[in-house]
């Protein structure tokens, strides 16, 4: 699934390969959900804040689907940091997907 804005989802295998080739070259975000209702996105952001994580809600207009609200943590460049965050979030019942930003100059930080 291709995401707008020069982004792509990344598998664990791809992350490990990227770490071997160029460990500091890519910019990643952890996406903790995508919601049609902005209140749902705010609730997830608040849930993350209670756990001590700072997240951002980013609205994105998708063709034929309207506006969705993505809840993201990052940016991250270190694979070890990404894996630690994913593990901690999983232990707290929060499933995240890893998103690679192809153009780091367009990456927003919190």
C-alpha atoms as a PDB file:
ATOM      1  CA  UNK A   1       0.000   0.000   0.000  1.00  0.00           C
ATOM      2  CA  UNK A   2       1.543   3.281  -1.063  1.00  0.00           C
ATOM      3  CA  UNK A   3       0.983   6.222   1.221  1.00  0.00           C
ATOM      4  CA  UNK A   4       0.787   9.794  -0.082  1.00  0.00           C
ATOM      5  CA  UNK A   5       3.703  12.143   0.439  1.00  0.00           C
ATOM      6  CA  UNK A   6       6.559   9.845  -0.544  1.00  0.00           C
ATOM      7  CA  UNK A   7       6.096   7.390   2.314  1.00  0.00           C
ATOM      8  CA  UNK A   8       5.995   3.619   2.467  1.00  0.00           C
ATOM      9  CA  UNK A   9       5.308   0.967   5.068  1.00  0.00           C
ATOM     10  CA  UNK A  10       8.364  -1.040   6.046  1.00  0.00           C
ATOM     11  CA  UNK A  11       8.550  -4.687   7.101  1.00  0.00           C
ATOM     12  CA  UNK A  12      10.871  -6.010   9.810  1.00  0.00           C
ATOM     13  CA  UNK A  13      12.982  -7.678   7.131  1.00  0.00           C
ATOM     14  CA  UNK A  14      13.368  -4.413   5.209  1.00  0.00           C
ATOM     15  CA  UNK A  15      14.271  -2.557   8.407  1.00  0.00           C
ATOM     16  CA  UNK A  16      17.023  -5.066   9.231  1.00  0.00           C
ATOM     17  CA  UNK A  17      18.412  -4.843   5.696  1.00  0.00           C
ATOM     18  CA  UNK A  18      18.392  -1.038   5.824  1.00  0.00           C
ATOM     19  CA  UNK A  19      20.217  -1.102   9.148  1.00  0.00           C
ATOM     20  CA  UNK A  20      23.034  -3.147   7.608  1.00  0.00           C
ATOM     21  CA  UNK A  21      23.368  -1.001   4.489  1.00  0.00           C
ATOM     22  CA  UNK A  22      22.904   2.544   5.732  1.00  0.00           C
ATOM     23  CA  UNK A  23      21.898   2.628   9.394  1.00  0.00           C
ATOM     24  CA  UNK A  24      21.551   6.415   9.634  1.00  0.00           C
ATOM     25  CA  UNK A  25      20.289   7.282   6.139  1.00  0.00           C
ATOM     26  CA  UNK A  26      16.517   6.808   6.475  1.00  0.00           C
ATOM     27  CA  UNK A  27      13.858   8.567   8.519  1.00  0.00           C
ATOM     28  CA  UNK A  28      11.098   6.474  10.097  1.00  0.00           C
ATOM     29  CA  UNK A  29       7.882   7.106  11.995  1.00  0.00           C
ATOM     30  CA  UNK A  30       5.865   4.704  14.099  1.00  0.00           C
ATOM     31  CA  UNK A  31       2.187   4.992  13.210  1.00  0.00           C
ATOM     32  CA  UNK A  32      -0.048   4.102  16.136  1.00  0.00           C
ATOM     33  CA  UNK A  33      -3.286   4.331  14.204  1.00  0.00           C
ATOM     34  CA  UNK A  34      -5.200   6.056  11.459  1.00  0.00           C
ATOM     35  CA  UNK A  35      -8.724   7.234  12.165  1.00  0.00           C
ATOM     36  CA  UNK A  36     -11.552   8.877  10.246  1.00  0.00           C
ATOM     37  CA  UNK A  37     -12.788  10.534  13.425  1.00  0.00           C
ATOM     38  CA  UNK A  38     -10.375  13.179  14.806  1.00  0.00           C
ATOM     39  CA  UNK A  39     -11.622  12.463  18.352  1.00  0.00           C
ATOM     40  CA  UNK A  40     -10.440   8.845  18.011  1.00  0.00           C
ATOM     41  CA  UNK A  41      -7.000  10.074  16.950  1.00  0.00           C
ATOM     42  CA  UNK A  42      -6.895  12.464  19.913  1.00  0.00           C
ATOM     43  CA  UNK A  43      -7.859   9.606  22.233  1.00  0.00           C
ATOM     44  CA  UNK A  44      -4.958   7.478  20.934  1.00  0.00           C
ATOM     45  CA  UNK A  45      -2.593  10.454  21.324  1.00  0.00           C
ATOM     46  CA  UNK A  46      -3.793  10.879  24.921  1.00  0.00           C
ATOM     47  CA  UNK A  47      -3.362   7.140  25.568  1.00  0.00           C
ATOM     48  CA  UNK A  48       0.243   7.422  24.361  1.00  0.00           C
ATOM     49  CA  UNK A  49       0.818  10.531  26.510  1.00  0.00           C
ATOM     50  CA  UNK A  50      -0.362   8.656  29.620  1.00  0.00           C
ATOM     51  CA  UNK A  51       2.289   6.034  28.798  1.00  0.00           C
ATOM     52  CA  UNK A  52       4.910   8.780  28.497  1.00  0.00           C
ATOM     53  CA  UNK A  53       5.120   9.002  24.704  1.00  0.00           C
ATOM     54  CA  UNK A  54       4.793  12.164  22.645  1.00  0.00           C
ATOM     55  CA  UNK A  55       2.790  11.687  19.458  1.00  0.00           C
ATOM     56  CA  UNK A  56       1.406  13.938  16.755  1.00  0.00           C
ATOM     57  CA  UNK A  57      -1.919  13.780  14.924  1.00  0.00           C
ATOM     58  CA  UNK A  58      -1.512  14.458  11.209  1.00  0.00           C
ATOM     59  CA  UNK A  59      -4.566  14.933   8.999  1.00  0.00           C
ATOM     60  CA  UNK A  60      -4.166  13.490   5.512  1.00  0.00           C
ATOM     61  CA  UNK A  61      -6.633  13.803   2.628  1.00  0.00           C
ATOM     62  CA  UNK A  62      -6.975  10.492   0.791  1.00  0.00           C
ATOM     63  CA  UNK A  63      -8.602  10.363  -2.647  1.00  0.00           C
ATOM     64  CA  UNK A  64     -12.098   8.846  -2.483  1.00  0.00           C
ATOM     65  CA  UNK A  65     -11.760   8.282   1.286  1.00  0.00           C
ATOM     66  CA  UNK A  66     -11.829  11.781   2.756  1.00  0.00           C
ATOM     67  CA  UNK A  67      -9.633  13.015   5.586  1.00  0.00           C
ATOM     68  CA  UNK A  68      -7.949  10.526   7.923  1.00  0.00           C
ATOM     69  CA  UNK A  69      -6.052  11.375  11.079  1.00  0.00           C
ATOM     70  CA  UNK A  70      -2.759   9.545  11.589  1.00  0.00           C
ATOM     71  CA  UNK A  71      -1.202   9.227  15.025  1.00  0.00           C
ATOM     72  CA  UNK A  72       2.574   9.125  14.732  1.00  0.00           C
ATOM     73  CA  UNK A  73       5.651   8.973  16.914  1.00  0.00           C
ATOM     74  CA  UNK A  74       9.038  10.071  15.651  1.00  0.00           C
ATOM     75  CA  UNK A  75      11.002  10.804  13.576  1.00  0.00           C
ATOM     76  CA  UNK A  76      13.537   8.052  14.257  1.00  0.00           C
ATOM     77  CA  UNK A  77      16.759   7.216  12.445  1.00  0.00           C
ATOM     78  CA  UNK A  78      18.220   4.494  14.683  1.00  0.00           C
ATOM     79  CA  UNK A  79      16.976   0.925  14.268  1.00  0.00           C
ATOM     80  CA  UNK A  80      17.695   0.063  17.918  1.00  0.00           C
ATOM     81  CA  UNK A  81      15.542   2.976  19.084  1.00  0.00           C
ATOM     82  CA  UNK A  82      12.728   1.940  16.732  1.00  0.00           C
ATOM     83  CA  UNK A  83      12.794  -1.649  17.969  1.00  0.00           C
ATOM     84  CA  UNK A  84      12.804  -0.557  21.617  1.00  0.00           C
ATOM     85  CA  UNK A  85       9.823   1.753  21.054  1.00  0.00           C
ATOM     86  CA  UNK A  86       7.889  -0.924  19.161  1.00  0.00           C
ATOM     87  CA  UNK A  87       8.516  -3.436  21.927  1.00  0.00           C
ATOM     88  CA  UNK A  88       7.422  -1.048  24.681  1.00  0.00           C
ATOM     89  CA  UNK A  89       4.283  -0.039  22.786  1.00  0.00           C
ATOM     90  CA  UNK A  90       3.408  -3.685  22.083  1.00  0.00           C
ATOM     91  CA  UNK A  91       3.752  -4.494  25.800  1.00  0.00           C
ATOM     92  CA  UNK A  92       1.164  -1.771  26.405  1.00  0.00           C
ATOM     93  CA  UNK A  93      -1.249  -3.171  23.828  1.00  0.00           C
ATOM     94  CA  UNK A  94      -0.559  -0.603  21.119  1.00  0.00           C
ATOM     95  CA  UNK A  95       0.042  -2.010  17.660  1.00  0.00           C
ATOM     96  CA  UNK A  96       2.167   0.214  15.440  1.00  0.00           C
ATOM     97  CA  UNK A  97       3.302   0.127  11.844  1.00  0.00           C
ATOM     98  CA  UNK A  98       6.638   1.416  10.672  1.00  0.00           C
ATOM     99  CA  UNK A  99       6.624   4.086   7.965  1.00  0.00           C
ATOM    100  CA  UNK A 100       9.696   5.190   6.041  1.00  0.00           C
ATOM    101  CA  UNK A 101       9.778   8.748   4.743  1.00  0.00           C
ATOM    102  CA  UNK A 102      11.470   8.836   1.361  1.00  0.00           C
ATOM    103  CA  UNK A 103      12.184  12.568   1.459  1.00  0.00           C
ATOM    104  CA  UNK A 104      13.616  13.378   4.925  1.00  0.00           C
ATOM    105  CA  UNK A 105      13.313  17.129   4.265  1.00  0.00           C
ATOM    106  CA  UNK A 106       9.508  16.719   4.303  1.00  0.00           C
ATOM    107  CA  UNK A 107       9.536  14.817   7.610  1.00  0.00           C
ATOM    108  CA  UNK A 108       7.767  16.609  10.429  1.00  0.00           C
ATOM    109  CA  UNK A 109       9.069  16.309  13.941  1.00  0.00           C
ATOM    110  CA  UNK A 110       6.983  16.625  17.085  1.00  0.00           C
END
